[in-house]
Amino acid sequence: MTGGVLALMIAGLVGFGAGAYLAATGERPIGIMFMGFGLMFQVLTLRQLRAAKKDGSDAG
């Protein structure tokens, strides 16, 4: 697992968590936007992991 994949994973988790907090505390449109970005980063992470598994290039 490369550093880029880890960065996408952390960005996804932090983005979704921050979005959920913001949506719950009253800034609903901004929270929903952050949750969407978090989910997008998670999808990109899964795509990268699937590509690495297909290529067999997982060195870690």
N, C-alpha and C. Protein backbone atom coordinates (compact mmCIF):
# COMPACT_ATOMS: atom_id res chain seq x y z
N MET A 1 0.86 -1.17 0.00
CA MET A 1 0.00 0.00 0.00
C MET A 1 0.91 1.24 0.00
N THR A 2 0.70 2.10 -0.95
CA THR A 2 1.57 3.26 -1.10
C THR A 2 1.09 4.43 -0.24
N GLY A 3 1.92 5.44 -0.16
CA GLY A 3 1.56 6.62 0.60
C GLY A 3 0.38 7.37 0.02
N GLY A 4 0.25 7.33 -1.30
CA GLY A 4 -0.89 7.99 -1.94
C GLY A 4 -2.21 7.36 -1.57
N VAL A 5 -2.22 6.04 -1.49
CA VAL A 5 -3.44 5.32 -1.11
C VAL A 5 -3.79 5.64 0.34
N LEU A 6 -2.78 5.66 1.20
CA LEU A 6 -3.03 6.00 2.60
C LEU A 6 -3.55 7.43 2.74
N ALA A 7 -3.00 8.34 1.96
CA ALA A 7 -3.46 9.73 2.01
C ALA A 7 -4.92 9.85 1.56
N LEU A 8 -5.29 9.13 0.50
CA LEU A 8 -6.68 9.14 0.05
C LEU A 8 -7.60 8.55 1.11
N MET A 9 -7.14 7.49 1.76
CA MET A 9 -7.95 6.84 2.78
C MET A 9 -8.19 7.77 3.96
N ILE A 10 -7.14 8.42 4.43
CA ILE A 10 -7.27 9.33 5.56
C ILE A 10 -8.12 10.54 5.18
N ALA A 11 -7.92 11.07 3.97
CA ALA A 11 -8.72 12.21 3.51
C ALA A 11 -10.20 11.84 3.45
N GLY A 12 -10.49 10.63 3.02
CA GLY A 12 -11.87 10.18 2.96
C GLY A 12 -12.50 10.08 4.33
N LEU A 13 -11.78 9.51 5.27
CA LEU A 13 -12.31 9.36 6.62
C LEU A 13 -12.50 10.71 7.31
N VAL A 14 -11.49 11.57 7.19
CA VAL A 14 -11.58 12.89 7.83
C VAL A 14 -12.66 13.73 7.17
N GLY A 15 -12.73 13.69 5.84
CA GLY A 15 -13.74 14.47 5.14
C GLY A 15 -15.15 14.04 5.49
N PHE A 16 -15.38 12.74 5.54
CA PHE A 16 -16.73 12.26 5.88
C PHE A 16 -17.06 12.58 7.33
N GLY A 17 -16.09 12.39 8.22
CA GLY A 17 -16.34 12.70 9.64
C GLY A 17 -16.61 14.17 9.87
N ALA A 18 -15.83 15.03 9.24
CA ALA A 18 -16.05 16.47 9.38
C ALA A 18 -17.40 16.86 8.78
N GLY A 19 -17.76 16.25 7.67
CA GLY A 19 -19.05 16.54 7.06
C GLY A 19 -20.21 16.12 7.94
N ALA A 20 -20.09 14.96 8.55
CA ALA A 20 -21.15 14.50 9.45
C ALA A 20 -21.28 15.43 10.65
N TYR A 21 -20.15 15.88 11.18
CA TYR A 21 -20.20 16.81 12.31
C TYR A 21 -20.84 18.13 11.91
N LEU A 22 -20.42 18.66 10.77
CA LEU A 22 -20.98 19.94 10.32
C LEU A 22 -22.46 19.83 10.00
N ALA A 23 -22.86 18.73 9.40
CA ALA A 23 -24.28 18.55 9.08
C ALA A 23 -25.11 18.45 10.35
N ALA A 24 -24.54 17.86 11.39
CA ALA A 24 -25.28 17.70 12.64
C ALA A 24 -25.34 18.98 13.46
N THR A 25 -24.38 19.88 13.25
CA THR A 25 -24.34 21.08 14.07
C THR A 25 -24.96 22.30 13.41
N GLY A 26 -25.58 22.13 12.25
CA GLY A 26 -26.31 23.24 11.67
C GLY A 26 -25.85 23.70 10.31
N GLU A 27 -24.63 23.43 9.93
CA GLU A 27 -24.13 23.83 8.61
C GLU A 27 -24.39 22.70 7.62
N ARG A 28 -25.65 22.44 7.37
CA ARG A 28 -26.05 21.27 6.60
C ARG A 28 -25.49 21.23 5.18
N PRO A 29 -25.60 22.29 4.37
CA PRO A 29 -25.08 22.19 2.99
C PRO A 29 -23.58 21.95 2.92
N ILE A 30 -22.83 22.60 3.80
CA ILE A 30 -21.38 22.41 3.81
C ILE A 30 -21.04 20.99 4.30
N GLY A 31 -21.78 20.51 5.29
CA GLY A 31 -21.56 19.16 5.79
C GLY A 31 -21.82 18.11 4.74
N ILE A 32 -22.89 18.29 3.99
CA ILE A 32 -23.21 17.34 2.93
C ILE A 32 -22.13 17.36 1.86
N MET A 33 -21.61 18.53 1.56
CA MET A 33 -20.55 18.65 0.57
C MET A 33 -19.29 17.91 1.05
N PHE A 34 -18.92 18.10 2.31
CA PHE A 34 -17.75 17.41 2.85
C PHE A 34 -17.95 15.90 2.87
N MET A 35 -19.15 15.44 3.21
CA MET A 35 -19.41 14.00 3.19
C MET A 35 -19.28 13.45 1.77
N GLY A 36 -19.74 14.21 0.80
CA GLY A 36 -19.60 13.79 -0.60
C GLY A 36 -18.15 13.68 -1.01
N PHE A 37 -17.34 14.67 -0.61
CA PHE A 37 -15.91 14.59 -0.92
C PHE A 37 -15.26 13.40 -0.22
N GLY A 38 -15.66 13.15 1.03
CA GLY A 38 -15.11 12.01 1.76
C GLY A 38 -15.43 10.70 1.06
N LEU A 39 -16.66 10.56 0.61
CA LEU A 39 -17.04 9.35 -0.11
C LEU A 39 -16.29 9.23 -1.44
N MET A 40 -16.07 10.35 -2.10
CA MET A 40 -15.33 10.33 -3.35
C MET A 40 -13.89 9.84 -3.11
N PHE A 41 -13.26 10.33 -2.04
CA PHE A 41 -11.91 9.88 -1.73
C PHE A 41 -11.88 8.39 -1.39
N GLN A 42 -12.91 7.90 -0.71
CA GLN A 42 -12.97 6.47 -0.40
C GLN A 42 -13.11 5.63 -1.67
N VAL A 43 -13.92 6.11 -2.61
CA VAL A 43 -14.06 5.39 -3.88
C VAL A 43 -12.73 5.37 -4.63
N LEU A 44 -12.02 6.48 -4.62
CA LEU A 44 -10.71 6.51 -5.27
C LEU A 44 -9.73 5.55 -4.60
N THR A 45 -9.81 5.46 -3.27
CA THR A 45 -8.96 4.52 -2.53
C THR A 45 -9.25 3.09 -2.95
N LEU A 46 -10.54 2.74 -2.99
CA LEU A 46 -10.91 1.38 -3.38
C LEU A 46 -10.48 1.07 -4.81
N ARG A 47 -10.58 2.06 -5.68
CA ARG A 47 -10.16 1.86 -7.07
C ARG A 47 -8.66 1.59 -7.14
N GLN A 48 -7.88 2.35 -6.36
CA GLN A 48 -6.42 2.15 -6.35
C GLN A 48 -6.06 0.78 -5.77
N LEU A 49 -6.75 0.38 -4.70
CA LEU A 49 -6.47 -0.93 -4.10
C LEU A 49 -6.83 -2.06 -5.05
N ARG A 50 -7.94 -1.92 -5.75
CA ARG A 50 -8.36 -2.94 -6.70
C ARG A 50 -7.35 -3.04 -7.86
N ALA A 51 -6.85 -1.90 -8.33
CA ALA A 51 -5.86 -1.90 -9.41
C ALA A 51 -4.56 -2.53 -8.95
N ALA A 52 -4.15 -2.27 -7.70
CA ALA A 52 -2.92 -2.86 -7.19
C ALA A 52 -3.07 -4.36 -7.04
N LYS A 53 -4.24 -4.81 -6.62
CA LYS A 53 -4.47 -6.24 -6.47
C LYS A 53 -4.48 -6.93 -7.82
N LYS A 54 -5.06 -6.28 -8.81
CA LYS A 54 -5.11 -6.86 -10.16
C LYS A 54 -3.72 -6.98 -10.76
N ASP A 55 -2.88 -5.95 -10.55
CA ASP A 55 -1.52 -5.96 -11.10
C ASP A 55 -0.57 -6.85 -10.30
N GLY A 56 -0.94 -7.14 -9.06
CA GLY A 56 -0.05 -7.93 -8.22
C GLY A 56 1.14 -7.15 -7.74
N SER A 57 1.03 -5.83 -7.76
CA SER A 57 2.17 -4.98 -7.41
C SER A 57 2.09 -4.49 -5.97
N ASP A 58 1.37 -5.18 -5.10
CA ASP A 58 1.28 -4.78 -3.70
C ASP A 58 2.55 -5.24 -2.98
N ALA A 59 3.46 -4.30 -2.77
CA ALA A 59 4.75 -4.64 -2.19
C ALA A 59 4.73 -4.60 -0.67
N GLY A 60 3.64 -4.05 -0.08
CA GLY A 60 3.65 -3.86 1.36
C GLY A 60 2.87 -4.88 2.06
